[in-house]
Amino acid sequence: MNITRGLTELPSHMEDVQQKHKETLRAQTETLSVNTILMNEKVKDFQLLDRYAELTIISTVRDRTLVEHELLARGRDHEEWRDQCLRGKLEKIRTDQLFHSSFSRSKSGSGSSASVAGVAGIGKTTMVQKIVHDWAMGKIYPHFQFVFSFKFRDLNTIKDRVTMRELILDQYPYFRNMLGEVWKNPEGLLFIFDGLDEFKDRIDFTDNRVPP
């Protein structure tokens, strides 16, 4: 998640495109598709808010590894960990705190970044959906003017080099006449990329050129 904290006021001429973007994201994220064991109904849709369960996010790599390899295997250890968490020995982070804690302290001139890792199927993608939905509803991260979310499994279908501008316009064509204005305030942008382990290509994280 590429982030920078920005509180710049949104120019009035961009309010319409922001509202359109929020409406689009709300429509995309309000339902949750769940795999079932039913033969005649393999996938069933539910309201996201009816089915969402909050993940427990641990702030350090050491504690995350402990969760993956020990706590999920033995219920007793999980209870001991919960006791430690309640006593304040571990830092538990809610989704609305992800960018306001030690979880996102790494900063540079081009912004900050945070990553969330966990065992497969634990709910990371659903958490991303909830973050996008809550931002679109105005519940979290008011300092971000625009949120853009991409799935690596979709990026796998792209065969040629592609710019961030092209990715955005492919999913959200209503930005076509406004994207230049959007780039002017990078502090107000949040980019979320979901499912890095599913990506089949290579990413050069050192390439920090400004999008055209």
N, C-alpha and C. Protein backbone atom coordinates (compact mmCIF):
# COMPACT_ATOMS: atom_id res chain seq x y z
N MET A 1 0.84 -1.17 0.00
CA MET A 1 0.00 0.00 0.00
C MET A 1 0.88 1.23 0.00
N ASN A 2 0.83 1.98 -1.05
CA ASN A 2 1.67 3.15 -1.18
C ASN A 2 0.94 4.35 -0.60
N ILE A 3 1.46 4.98 0.43
CA ILE A 3 0.72 6.04 1.08
C ILE A 3 1.59 7.23 1.40
N THR A 4 0.97 8.39 1.48
CA THR A 4 1.55 9.57 2.08
C THR A 4 0.43 10.30 2.78
N ARG A 5 0.73 10.91 3.90
CA ARG A 5 -0.31 11.61 4.63
C ARG A 5 -0.44 13.03 4.08
N GLY A 6 -1.62 13.37 3.55
CA GLY A 6 -1.83 14.69 2.99
C GLY A 6 -3.16 15.24 3.44
N LEU A 7 -3.21 16.52 3.74
CA LEU A 7 -4.43 17.15 4.20
C LEU A 7 -4.82 18.31 3.30
N THR A 8 -4.29 18.35 2.08
CA THR A 8 -4.60 19.41 1.15
C THR A 8 -6.08 19.36 0.78
N GLU A 9 -6.73 20.49 0.79
CA GLU A 9 -8.16 20.54 0.49
C GLU A 9 -8.39 20.23 -0.98
N LEU A 10 -9.42 19.45 -1.27
CA LEU A 10 -9.74 19.09 -2.65
C LEU A 10 -10.29 20.31 -3.38
N PRO A 11 -9.70 20.66 -4.55
CA PRO A 11 -10.23 21.79 -5.32
C PRO A 11 -11.69 21.56 -5.70
N SER A 12 -12.47 22.61 -5.72
CA SER A 12 -13.91 22.50 -5.97
C SER A 12 -14.22 21.87 -7.32
N HIS A 13 -13.36 22.12 -8.33
CA HIS A 13 -13.64 21.58 -9.66
C HIS A 13 -13.37 20.07 -9.75
N MET A 14 -12.83 19.47 -8.66
CA MET A 14 -12.59 18.03 -8.65
C MET A 14 -13.58 17.28 -7.77
N GLU A 15 -14.49 18.00 -7.17
CA GLU A 15 -15.44 17.36 -6.26
C GLU A 15 -16.37 16.39 -6.99
N ASP A 16 -16.76 16.74 -8.22
CA ASP A 16 -17.67 15.87 -8.97
C ASP A 16 -17.03 14.53 -9.30
N VAL A 17 -15.75 14.55 -9.73
CA VAL A 17 -15.09 13.30 -10.07
C VAL A 17 -14.81 12.48 -8.82
N GLN A 18 -14.55 13.13 -7.69
CA GLN A 18 -14.37 12.38 -6.44
C GLN A 18 -15.67 11.70 -6.04
N GLN A 19 -16.80 12.42 -6.16
CA GLN A 19 -18.08 11.84 -5.82
C GLN A 19 -18.41 10.66 -6.73
N LYS A 20 -18.14 10.82 -8.04
CA LYS A 20 -18.36 9.73 -8.99
C LYS A 20 -17.50 8.53 -8.63
N HIS A 21 -16.26 8.78 -8.24
CA HIS A 21 -15.35 7.70 -7.88
C HIS A 21 -15.84 6.97 -6.64
N LYS A 22 -16.29 7.71 -5.65
CA LYS A 22 -16.79 7.07 -4.43
C LYS A 22 -18.03 6.23 -4.71
N GLU A 23 -18.92 6.74 -5.55
CA GLU A 23 -20.12 5.97 -5.91
C GLU A 23 -19.75 4.68 -6.62
N THR A 24 -18.74 4.76 -7.51
CA THR A 24 -18.29 3.58 -8.24
C THR A 24 -17.70 2.55 -7.28
N LEU A 25 -16.85 3.00 -6.36
CA LEU A 25 -16.23 2.08 -5.41
C LEU A 25 -17.25 1.46 -4.47
N ARG A 26 -18.24 2.25 -4.05
CA ARG A 26 -19.28 1.69 -3.18
C ARG A 26 -20.03 0.57 -3.89
N ALA A 27 -20.35 0.79 -5.16
CA ALA A 27 -21.07 -0.24 -5.93
C ALA A 27 -20.22 -1.49 -6.11
N GLN A 28 -18.91 -1.32 -6.25
CA GLN A 28 -18.01 -2.45 -6.47
C GLN A 28 -17.75 -3.25 -5.19
N THR A 29 -17.89 -2.63 -4.04
CA THR A 29 -17.45 -3.28 -2.80
C THR A 29 -18.58 -3.59 -1.81
N GLU A 30 -19.82 -3.24 -2.12
CA GLU A 30 -20.88 -3.40 -1.13
C GLU A 30 -21.30 -4.85 -0.93
N THR A 31 -21.00 -5.72 -1.91
CA THR A 31 -21.33 -7.14 -1.77
C THR A 31 -20.07 -7.98 -1.70
N LEU A 32 -20.17 -9.11 -1.04
CA LEU A 32 -19.06 -10.03 -0.86
C LEU A 32 -19.44 -11.39 -1.44
N SER A 33 -18.64 -11.88 -2.38
CA SER A 33 -18.89 -13.18 -3.00
C SER A 33 -18.17 -14.26 -2.19
N VAL A 34 -18.93 -15.29 -1.79
CA VAL A 34 -18.39 -16.35 -0.94
C VAL A 34 -18.55 -17.69 -1.63
N ASN A 35 -17.47 -18.48 -1.66
CA ASN A 35 -17.54 -19.83 -2.22
C ASN A 35 -18.32 -20.74 -1.27
N THR A 36 -19.19 -21.55 -1.83
CA THR A 36 -19.99 -22.47 -1.02
C THR A 36 -19.71 -23.91 -1.46
N ILE A 37 -20.26 -24.86 -0.71
CA ILE A 37 -20.11 -26.27 -1.06
C ILE A 37 -21.34 -26.78 -1.81
N LEU A 38 -22.27 -25.89 -2.13
CA LEU A 38 -23.49 -26.27 -2.84
C LEU A 38 -23.19 -26.49 -4.31
N MET A 39 -23.72 -27.58 -4.88
CA MET A 39 -23.47 -27.89 -6.28
C MET A 39 -24.16 -26.90 -7.21
N ASN A 40 -25.38 -26.48 -6.85
CA ASN A 40 -26.15 -25.60 -7.73
C ASN A 40 -25.91 -24.12 -7.45
N GLU A 41 -25.10 -23.81 -6.46
CA GLU A 41 -24.82 -22.42 -6.12
C GLU A 41 -23.42 -22.33 -5.53
N LYS A 42 -22.42 -22.41 -6.42
CA LYS A 42 -21.04 -22.48 -5.97
C LYS A 42 -20.56 -21.18 -5.35
N VAL A 43 -21.12 -20.06 -5.80
CA VAL A 43 -20.75 -18.75 -5.27
C VAL A 43 -22.02 -18.02 -4.86
N LYS A 44 -22.01 -17.46 -3.66
CA LYS A 44 -23.17 -16.75 -3.16
C LYS A 44 -22.75 -15.35 -2.72
N ASP A 45 -23.59 -14.36 -3.01
CA ASP A 45 -23.29 -12.97 -2.67
C ASP A 45 -24.01 -12.56 -1.38
N PHE A 46 -23.27 -11.85 -0.54
CA PHE A 46 -23.81 -11.32 0.70
C PHE A 46 -23.45 -9.84 0.79
N GLN A 47 -24.13 -9.11 1.64
CA GLN A 47 -23.74 -7.75 1.95
C GLN A 47 -22.43 -7.79 2.72
N LEU A 48 -21.47 -6.99 2.29
CA LEU A 48 -20.14 -7.01 2.92
C LEU A 48 -20.24 -6.79 4.42
N LEU A 49 -21.03 -5.82 4.85
CA LEU A 49 -21.10 -5.49 6.27
C LEU A 49 -21.73 -6.60 7.10
N ASP A 50 -22.52 -7.46 6.45
CA ASP A 50 -23.15 -8.57 7.18
C ASP A 50 -22.18 -9.72 7.41
N ARG A 51 -21.15 -9.83 6.59
CA ARG A 51 -20.26 -10.99 6.65
C ARG A 51 -18.83 -10.66 7.07
N TYR A 52 -18.50 -9.39 7.15
CA TYR A 52 -17.11 -9.03 7.42
C TYR A 52 -16.72 -9.32 8.86
N ALA A 53 -15.56 -9.96 9.03
CA ALA A 53 -14.99 -10.21 10.36
C ALA A 53 -13.64 -9.51 10.42
N GLU A 54 -13.44 -8.69 11.43
CA GLU A 54 -12.21 -7.90 11.55
C GLU A 54 -11.01 -8.79 11.80
N LEU A 55 -9.96 -8.57 11.02
CA LEU A 55 -8.71 -9.30 11.24
C LEU A 55 -7.93 -8.69 12.39
N THR A 56 -7.14 -9.52 13.03
CA THR A 56 -6.19 -9.02 14.02
C THR A 56 -4.86 -8.81 13.32
N ILE A 57 -4.42 -7.58 13.20
CA ILE A 57 -3.19 -7.25 12.50
C ILE A 57 -2.10 -6.98 13.52
N ILE A 58 -0.97 -7.70 13.36
CA ILE A 58 0.15 -7.57 14.28
C ILE A 58 1.22 -6.73 13.62
N SER A 59 1.86 -5.86 14.39
CA SER A 59 2.70 -4.82 13.81
C SER A 59 4.09 -5.27 13.39
N THR A 60 4.63 -6.35 13.96
CA THR A 60 6.02 -6.71 13.66
C THR A 60 6.10 -8.03 12.92
N VAL A 61 7.18 -8.20 12.17
CA VAL A 61 7.38 -9.43 11.41
C VAL A 61 7.51 -10.62 12.33
N ARG A 62 8.20 -10.45 13.46
CA ARG A 62 8.39 -11.55 14.40
C ARG A 62 7.06 -12.08 14.90
N ASP A 63 6.18 -11.16 15.31
CA ASP A 63 4.90 -11.60 15.84
C ASP A 63 4.01 -12.17 14.75
N ARG A 64 4.14 -11.64 13.52
CA ARG A 64 3.36 -12.20 12.42
C ARG A 64 3.78 -13.64 12.15
N THR A 65 5.09 -13.89 12.15
CA THR A 65 5.58 -15.25 11.95
C THR A 65 5.09 -16.18 13.04
N LEU A 66 5.06 -15.68 14.27
CA LEU A 66 4.56 -16.47 15.39
C LEU A 66 3.11 -16.87 15.16
N VAL A 67 2.33 -15.91 14.67
CA VAL A 67 0.92 -16.19 14.40
C VAL A 67 0.79 -17.26 13.32
N GLU A 68 1.56 -17.13 12.23
CA GLU A 68 1.42 -18.05 11.11
C GLU A 68 1.81 -19.48 11.47
N HIS A 69 2.91 -19.64 12.19
CA HIS A 69 3.47 -20.97 12.37
C HIS A 69 3.12 -21.63 13.71
N GLU A 70 2.68 -20.86 14.66
CA GLU A 70 2.38 -21.45 15.96
C GLU A 70 0.94 -21.23 16.40
N LEU A 71 0.49 -19.98 16.33
CA LEU A 71 -0.81 -19.68 16.92
C LEU A 71 -1.95 -20.32 16.16
N LEU A 72 -1.81 -20.46 14.84
CA LEU A 72 -2.87 -21.09 14.07
C LEU A 72 -2.89 -22.60 14.26
N ALA A 73 -1.80 -23.13 14.75
CA ALA A 73 -1.70 -24.59 14.90
C ALA A 73 -2.20 -25.08 16.25
N ARG A 74 -2.08 -24.23 17.28
CA ARG A 74 -2.44 -24.70 18.62
C ARG A 74 -3.32 -23.67 19.32
N GLY A 75 -4.52 -24.10 19.65
CA GLY A 75 -5.47 -23.19 20.27
C GLY A 75 -5.00 -22.62 21.59
N ARG A 76 -4.25 -23.39 22.37
CA ARG A 76 -3.78 -22.92 23.66
C ARG A 76 -2.84 -21.74 23.49
N ASP A 77 -1.92 -21.86 22.52
CA ASP A 77 -1.01 -20.75 22.25
C ASP A 77 -1.77 -19.51 21.79
N HIS A 78 -2.84 -19.74 21.03
CA HIS A 78 -3.63 -18.61 20.57
C HIS A 78 -4.25 -17.87 21.74
N GLU A 79 -4.73 -18.61 22.72
CA GLU A 79 -5.31 -17.97 23.89
C GLU A 79 -4.24 -17.21 24.67
N GLU A 80 -3.03 -17.79 24.77
CA GLU A 80 -1.96 -17.09 25.46
C GLU A 80 -1.59 -15.81 24.73
N TRP A 81 -1.58 -15.87 23.40
CA TRP A 81 -1.28 -14.67 22.63
C TRP A 81 -2.35 -13.61 22.85
N ARG A 82 -3.63 -14.02 22.89
CA ARG A 82 -4.71 -13.08 23.11
C ARG A 82 -4.53 -12.39 24.47
N ASP A 83 -4.12 -13.15 25.48
CA ASP A 83 -3.88 -12.56 26.79
C ASP A 83 -2.77 -11.51 26.72
N GLN A 84 -1.70 -11.83 26.00
CA GLN A 84 -0.61 -10.87 25.83
C GLN A 84 -1.10 -9.61 25.13
N CYS A 85 -1.92 -9.81 24.13
CA CYS A 85 -2.44 -8.67 23.37
C CYS A 85 -3.28 -7.78 24.26
N LEU A 86 -4.11 -8.39 25.09
CA LEU A 86 -4.97 -7.62 25.99
C LEU A 86 -4.14 -6.88 27.03
N ARG A 87 -3.00 -7.45 27.41
CA ARG A 87 -2.14 -6.79 28.40
C ARG A 87 -1.24 -5.73 27.76
N GLY A 88 -1.36 -5.57 26.46
CA GLY A 88 -0.63 -4.51 25.79
C GLY A 88 0.78 -4.86 25.37
N LYS A 89 1.16 -6.14 25.41
CA LYS A 89 2.51 -6.52 25.03
C LYS A 89 2.69 -6.51 23.51
N LEU A 90 1.61 -6.72 22.79
CA LEU A 90 1.65 -6.70 21.33
C LEU A 90 0.77 -5.56 20.84
N GLU A 91 1.12 -5.01 19.68
CA GLU A 91 0.33 -3.92 19.13
C GLU A 91 -0.68 -4.46 18.13
N LYS A 92 -1.95 -4.36 18.45
CA LYS A 92 -3.01 -4.76 17.54
C LYS A 92 -3.48 -3.52 16.77
N ILE A 93 -3.61 -3.67 15.46
CA ILE A 93 -3.93 -2.53 14.61
C ILE A 93 -5.23 -2.79 13.87
N ARG A 94 -6.18 -1.87 13.97
CA ARG A 94 -7.42 -1.95 13.20
C ARG A 94 -7.17 -1.39 11.80
N THR A 95 -8.07 -1.72 10.88
CA THR A 95 -7.89 -1.25 9.51
C THR A 95 -7.91 0.26 9.42
N ASP A 96 -8.65 0.92 10.29
CA ASP A 96 -8.69 2.38 10.24
C ASP A 96 -7.46 3.01 10.90
N GLN A 97 -6.55 2.17 11.43
CA GLN A 97 -5.33 2.66 12.06
C GLN A 97 -4.08 2.29 11.26
N LEU A 98 -4.24 1.61 10.15
CA LEU A 98 -3.10 1.07 9.42
C LEU A 98 -2.08 2.15 9.07
N PHE A 99 -2.54 3.33 8.77
CA PHE A 99 -1.63 4.38 8.34
C PHE A 99 -1.43 5.44 9.41
N HIS A 100 -1.66 5.06 10.67
CA HIS A 100 -1.47 5.99 11.78
C HIS A 100 -0.72 5.33 12.92
N SER A 101 0.13 4.35 12.60
CA SER A 101 0.82 3.61 13.66
C SER A 101 2.22 3.25 13.21
N SER A 102 2.90 2.48 14.03
CA SER A 102 4.25 2.03 13.68
C SER A 102 4.23 1.12 12.46
N PHE A 103 3.03 0.67 12.07
CA PHE A 103 2.92 -0.21 10.91
C PHE A 103 3.32 0.52 9.64
N SER A 104 3.27 1.86 9.64
CA SER A 104 3.56 2.60 8.41
C SER A 104 4.58 3.71 8.66
N ARG A 105 5.58 3.42 9.48
CA ARG A 105 6.56 4.45 9.80
C ARG A 105 7.61 4.64 8.73
N SER A 106 7.76 3.66 7.85
CA SER A 106 8.77 3.78 6.80
C SER A 106 8.36 4.87 5.83
N LYS A 107 9.18 5.92 5.71
CA LYS A 107 8.84 7.05 4.86
C LYS A 107 10.02 7.42 3.97
N SER A 108 9.68 8.05 2.86
CA SER A 108 10.69 8.56 1.94
C SER A 108 10.14 9.80 1.28
N GLY A 109 10.95 10.41 0.43
CA GLY A 109 10.49 11.62 -0.23
C GLY A 109 9.34 11.38 -1.17
N SER A 110 9.17 10.15 -1.63
CA SER A 110 8.11 9.86 -2.59
C SER A 110 6.88 9.25 -1.93
N GLY A 111 6.86 9.16 -0.60
CA GLY A 111 5.69 8.62 0.06
C GLY A 111 6.06 7.56 1.07
N SER A 112 5.07 6.87 1.58
CA SER A 112 5.28 5.81 2.54
C SER A 112 4.59 4.55 2.06
N SER A 113 4.94 3.44 2.66
CA SER A 113 4.34 2.18 2.24
C SER A 113 4.09 1.29 3.45
N ALA A 114 3.08 0.45 3.33
CA ALA A 114 2.78 -0.55 4.35
C ALA A 114 2.40 -1.83 3.63
N SER A 115 2.74 -2.96 4.22
CA SER A 115 2.37 -4.25 3.63
C SER A 115 1.68 -5.10 4.68
N VAL A 116 0.70 -5.88 4.24
CA VAL A 116 -0.02 -6.79 5.12
C VAL A 116 0.18 -8.20 4.59
N ALA A 117 0.68 -9.11 5.44
CA ALA A 117 0.93 -10.48 5.04
C ALA A 117 0.24 -11.43 6.00
N GLY A 118 -0.12 -12.60 5.50
CA GLY A 118 -0.77 -13.60 6.34
C GLY A 118 -1.01 -14.87 5.56
N VAL A 119 -1.44 -15.92 6.24
CA VAL A 119 -1.67 -17.20 5.58
C VAL A 119 -2.79 -17.07 4.56
N ALA A 120 -2.77 -17.92 3.54
CA ALA A 120 -3.76 -17.88 2.48
C ALA A 120 -5.16 -18.13 3.03
N GLY A 121 -6.13 -17.36 2.56
CA GLY A 121 -7.52 -17.57 2.93
C GLY A 121 -7.94 -16.95 4.24
N ILE A 122 -7.04 -16.20 4.88
CA ILE A 122 -7.37 -15.65 6.20
C ILE A 122 -8.28 -14.43 6.11
N GLY A 123 -8.31 -13.78 4.92
CA GLY A 123 -9.21 -12.64 4.75
C GLY A 123 -8.56 -11.33 4.35
N LYS A 124 -7.35 -11.39 3.78
CA LYS A 124 -6.65 -10.16 3.42
C LYS A 124 -7.38 -9.41 2.30
N THR A 125 -7.84 -10.14 1.29
CA THR A 125 -8.55 -9.51 0.18
C THR A 125 -9.86 -8.89 0.65
N THR A 126 -10.55 -9.58 1.54
CA THR A 126 -11.80 -9.03 2.08
C THR A 126 -11.50 -7.79 2.91
N MET A 127 -10.37 -7.77 3.62
CA MET A 127 -9.99 -6.60 4.38
C MET A 127 -9.74 -5.41 3.45
N VAL A 128 -9.08 -5.67 2.32
CA VAL A 128 -8.87 -4.61 1.33
C VAL A 128 -10.20 -4.08 0.82
N GLN A 129 -11.13 -4.97 0.54
CA GLN A 129 -12.46 -4.55 0.09
C GLN A 129 -13.14 -3.68 1.13
N LYS A 130 -12.99 -4.03 2.40
CA LYS A 130 -13.60 -3.24 3.47
C LYS A 130 -12.95 -1.87 3.58
N ILE A 131 -11.63 -1.79 3.41
CA ILE A 131 -10.94 -0.51 3.46
C ILE A 131 -11.45 0.41 2.36
N VAL A 132 -11.55 -0.12 1.14
CA VAL A 132 -12.02 0.68 0.01
C VAL A 132 -13.46 1.11 0.23
N HIS A 133 -14.29 0.20 0.72
CA HIS A 133 -15.70 0.51 0.97
C HIS A 133 -15.83 1.59 2.03
N ASP A 134 -15.09 1.46 3.12
CA ASP A 134 -15.19 2.43 4.20
C ASP A 134 -14.70 3.81 3.76
N TRP A 135 -13.64 3.84 2.93
CA TRP A 135 -13.20 5.15 2.43
C TRP A 135 -14.28 5.78 1.54
N ALA A 136 -14.87 4.98 0.68
CA ALA A 136 -15.91 5.49 -0.21
C ALA A 136 -17.14 5.97 0.56
N MET A 137 -17.36 5.39 1.73
CA MET A 137 -18.49 5.80 2.57
C MET A 137 -18.13 6.99 3.45
N GLY A 138 -16.87 7.43 3.42
CA GLY A 138 -16.44 8.56 4.22
C GLY A 138 -16.18 8.22 5.67
N LYS A 139 -15.92 6.93 5.97
CA LYS A 139 -15.73 6.51 7.35
C LYS A 139 -14.27 6.57 7.79
N ILE A 140 -13.33 6.40 6.88
CA ILE A 140 -11.92 6.37 7.24
C ILE A 140 -11.08 7.16 6.24
N TYR A 141 -9.88 7.53 6.68
CA TYR A 141 -8.87 8.15 5.84
C TYR A 141 -9.36 9.36 5.06
N PRO A 142 -9.91 10.37 5.72
CA PRO A 142 -10.36 11.56 4.99
C PRO A 142 -9.21 12.34 4.37
N HIS A 143 -7.97 12.07 4.83
CA HIS A 143 -6.82 12.78 4.26
C HIS A 143 -6.44 12.25 2.88
N PHE A 144 -7.02 11.12 2.46
CA PHE A 144 -6.81 10.65 1.09
C PHE A 144 -7.95 11.14 0.21
N GLN A 145 -7.61 11.85 -0.85
CA GLN A 145 -8.62 12.37 -1.76
C GLN A 145 -9.13 11.30 -2.71
N PHE A 146 -8.24 10.38 -3.10
CA PHE A 146 -8.62 9.32 -4.02
C PHE A 146 -7.93 8.02 -3.62
N VAL A 147 -8.67 6.91 -3.73
CA VAL A 147 -8.14 5.58 -3.45
C VAL A 147 -8.28 4.74 -4.71
N PHE A 148 -7.19 4.08 -5.10
CA PHE A 148 -7.20 3.21 -6.27
C PHE A 148 -6.73 1.82 -5.85
N SER A 149 -7.54 0.82 -6.18
CA SER A 149 -7.24 -0.55 -5.76
C SER A 149 -7.11 -1.45 -6.98
N PHE A 150 -6.06 -2.28 -6.99
CA PHE A 150 -5.81 -3.19 -8.11
C PHE A 150 -5.51 -4.58 -7.57
N LYS A 151 -5.90 -5.60 -8.33
CA LYS A 151 -5.63 -6.98 -7.98
C LYS A 151 -4.54 -7.53 -8.89
N PHE A 152 -3.55 -8.18 -8.31
CA PHE A 152 -2.47 -8.73 -9.10
C PHE A 152 -2.95 -9.81 -10.05
N ARG A 153 -4.00 -10.53 -9.70
CA ARG A 153 -4.48 -11.57 -10.60
C ARG A 153 -5.02 -10.96 -11.90
N ASP A 154 -5.56 -9.71 -11.80
CA ASP A 154 -5.98 -9.00 -13.01
C ASP A 154 -4.79 -8.46 -13.78
N LEU A 155 -3.76 -8.01 -13.05
CA LEU A 155 -2.57 -7.49 -13.72
C LEU A 155 -1.83 -8.58 -14.49
N ASN A 156 -2.06 -9.83 -14.12
CA ASN A 156 -1.42 -10.94 -14.83
C ASN A 156 -1.86 -11.03 -16.28
N THR A 157 -3.02 -10.48 -16.59
CA THR A 157 -3.54 -10.56 -17.96
C THR A 157 -2.90 -9.52 -18.88
N ILE A 158 -2.14 -8.58 -18.32
CA ILE A 158 -1.50 -7.53 -19.11
C ILE A 158 -0.17 -8.05 -19.64
N LYS A 159 -0.01 -8.01 -20.95
CA LYS A 159 1.19 -8.57 -21.58
C LYS A 159 2.28 -7.54 -21.83
N ASP A 160 1.93 -6.27 -21.97
CA ASP A 160 2.90 -5.24 -22.30
C ASP A 160 3.14 -4.32 -21.11
N ARG A 161 4.15 -3.46 -21.23
CA ARG A 161 4.40 -2.46 -20.20
C ARG A 161 3.20 -1.53 -20.12
N VAL A 162 2.85 -1.14 -18.92
CA VAL A 162 1.68 -0.29 -18.73
C VAL A 162 1.99 0.75 -17.66
N THR A 163 1.48 1.95 -17.82
CA THR A 163 1.70 3.01 -16.85
C THR A 163 0.56 3.03 -15.84
N MET A 164 0.80 3.71 -14.72
CA MET A 164 -0.25 3.85 -13.73
C MET A 164 -1.44 4.61 -14.32
N ARG A 165 -1.16 5.59 -15.17
CA ARG A 165 -2.22 6.33 -15.84
C ARG A 165 -3.12 5.38 -16.63
N GLU A 166 -2.52 4.47 -17.37
CA GLU A 166 -3.30 3.54 -18.19
C GLU A 166 -4.11 2.58 -17.32
N LEU A 167 -3.53 2.15 -16.19
CA LEU A 167 -4.26 1.26 -15.29
C LEU A 167 -5.51 1.95 -14.73
N ILE A 168 -5.34 3.19 -14.33
CA ILE A 168 -6.46 3.93 -13.74
C ILE A 168 -7.55 4.17 -14.78
N LEU A 169 -7.14 4.64 -15.95
CA LEU A 169 -8.13 4.97 -16.98
C LEU A 169 -8.85 3.73 -17.50
N ASP A 170 -8.19 2.57 -17.44
CA ASP A 170 -8.84 1.34 -17.87
C ASP A 170 -10.00 0.98 -16.94
N GLN A 171 -9.79 1.19 -15.63
CA GLN A 171 -10.84 0.86 -14.66
C GLN A 171 -11.78 2.02 -14.39
N TYR A 172 -11.26 3.23 -14.47
CA TYR A 172 -12.06 4.40 -14.11
C TYR A 172 -11.93 5.46 -15.21
N PRO A 173 -12.57 5.26 -16.36
CA PRO A 173 -12.39 6.17 -17.51
C PRO A 173 -12.86 7.59 -17.26
N TYR A 174 -13.66 7.82 -16.22
CA TYR A 174 -14.15 9.17 -15.94
C TYR A 174 -13.04 10.09 -15.43
N PHE A 175 -11.85 9.55 -15.19
CA PHE A 175 -10.71 10.39 -14.79
C PHE A 175 -9.96 10.97 -15.99
N ARG A 176 -10.38 10.66 -17.19
CA ARG A 176 -9.59 10.99 -18.37
C ARG A 176 -9.20 12.47 -18.43
N ASN A 177 -10.11 13.36 -18.14
CA ASN A 177 -9.83 14.80 -18.24
C ASN A 177 -9.32 15.40 -16.93
N MET A 178 -9.23 14.57 -15.88
CA MET A 178 -8.88 15.10 -14.57
C MET A 178 -7.61 14.50 -13.98
N LEU A 179 -7.05 13.49 -14.64
CA LEU A 179 -5.95 12.76 -14.02
C LEU A 179 -4.72 13.65 -13.81
N GLY A 180 -4.51 14.59 -14.72
CA GLY A 180 -3.40 15.52 -14.53
C GLY A 180 -3.54 16.31 -13.25
N GLU A 181 -4.76 16.68 -12.89
CA GLU A 181 -5.02 17.38 -11.64
C GLU A 181 -4.81 16.46 -10.44
N VAL A 182 -5.18 15.20 -10.60
CA VAL A 182 -5.02 14.23 -9.51
C VAL A 182 -3.55 14.08 -9.14
N TRP A 183 -2.66 14.03 -10.14
CA TRP A 183 -1.24 13.84 -9.88
C TRP A 183 -0.63 15.00 -9.11
N LYS A 184 -1.25 16.17 -9.16
CA LYS A 184 -0.67 17.35 -8.54
C LYS A 184 -0.61 17.26 -7.01
N ASN A 185 -1.39 16.36 -6.42
CA ASN A 185 -1.39 16.21 -4.97
C ASN A 185 -1.16 14.74 -4.61
N PRO A 186 0.06 14.24 -4.80
CA PRO A 186 0.34 12.82 -4.50
C PRO A 186 0.12 12.47 -3.04
N GLU A 187 0.23 13.48 -2.15
CA GLU A 187 0.01 13.21 -0.73
C GLU A 187 -1.41 12.77 -0.43
N GLY A 188 -2.33 13.05 -1.34
CA GLY A 188 -3.72 12.69 -1.12
C GLY A 188 -4.16 11.43 -1.84
N LEU A 189 -3.19 10.61 -2.29
CA LEU A 189 -3.51 9.41 -3.05
C LEU A 189 -3.12 8.15 -2.28
N LEU A 190 -3.98 7.15 -2.36
CA LEU A 190 -3.69 5.84 -1.77
C LEU A 190 -3.82 4.79 -2.86
N PHE A 191 -2.74 4.06 -3.11
CA PHE A 191 -2.75 2.96 -4.08
C PHE A 191 -2.65 1.64 -3.33
N ILE A 192 -3.59 0.75 -3.59
CA ILE A 192 -3.61 -0.56 -2.94
C ILE A 192 -3.46 -1.63 -4.01
N PHE A 193 -2.49 -2.52 -3.80
CA PHE A 193 -2.28 -3.65 -4.70
C PHE A 193 -2.47 -4.94 -3.89
N ASP A 194 -3.43 -5.74 -4.31
CA ASP A 194 -3.85 -6.91 -3.53
C ASP A 194 -3.37 -8.20 -4.20
N GLY A 195 -2.76 -9.07 -3.41
CA GLY A 195 -2.39 -10.41 -3.88
C GLY A 195 -1.05 -10.48 -4.57
N LEU A 196 -0.01 -9.89 -3.97
CA LEU A 196 1.33 -9.89 -4.58
C LEU A 196 1.81 -11.30 -4.87
N ASP A 197 1.46 -12.26 -4.01
CA ASP A 197 1.92 -13.64 -4.20
C ASP A 197 1.34 -14.27 -5.45
N GLU A 198 0.28 -13.68 -6.02
CA GLU A 198 -0.35 -14.21 -7.23
C GLU A 198 0.25 -13.62 -8.50
N PHE A 199 1.14 -12.64 -8.37
CA PHE A 199 1.68 -11.97 -9.54
C PHE A 199 2.72 -12.86 -10.22
N LYS A 200 2.64 -12.98 -11.54
CA LYS A 200 3.51 -13.88 -12.29
C LYS A 200 4.72 -13.18 -12.89
N ASP A 201 4.76 -11.88 -12.84
CA ASP A 201 5.86 -11.13 -13.44
C ASP A 201 6.78 -10.58 -12.36
N ARG A 202 7.67 -9.69 -12.72
CA ARG A 202 8.63 -9.10 -11.80
C ARG A 202 8.35 -7.61 -11.65
N ILE A 203 8.52 -7.08 -10.45
CA ILE A 203 8.30 -5.67 -10.20
C ILE A 203 9.61 -5.04 -9.79
N ASP A 204 9.92 -3.88 -10.40
CA ASP A 204 11.11 -3.13 -10.01
C ASP A 204 10.69 -2.05 -9.03
N PHE A 205 10.85 -2.32 -7.75
CA PHE A 205 10.42 -1.38 -6.72
C PHE A 205 11.35 -0.16 -6.61
N THR A 206 12.49 -0.20 -7.33
CA THR A 206 13.40 0.94 -7.29
C THR A 206 13.06 1.97 -8.35
N ASP A 207 12.13 1.64 -9.25
CA ASP A 207 11.74 2.56 -10.31
C ASP A 207 10.71 3.53 -9.77
N ASN A 208 11.16 4.73 -9.41
CA ASN A 208 10.26 5.70 -8.78
C ASN A 208 9.99 6.90 -9.68
N ARG A 209 9.97 6.67 -10.99
CA ARG A 209 9.69 7.76 -11.90
C ARG A 209 8.27 8.24 -11.75
N VAL A 210 8.07 9.55 -11.93
CA VAL A 210 6.74 10.14 -11.81
C VAL A 210 5.88 9.73 -12.99
N PRO A 211 4.61 9.28 -12.76
CA PRO A 211 3.75 8.89 -13.88
C PRO A 211 3.54 10.06 -14.83
N PRO A 212 3.42 9.78 -16.16
CA PRO A 212 3.22 10.87 -17.10
C PRO A 212 1.83 11.47 -16.98
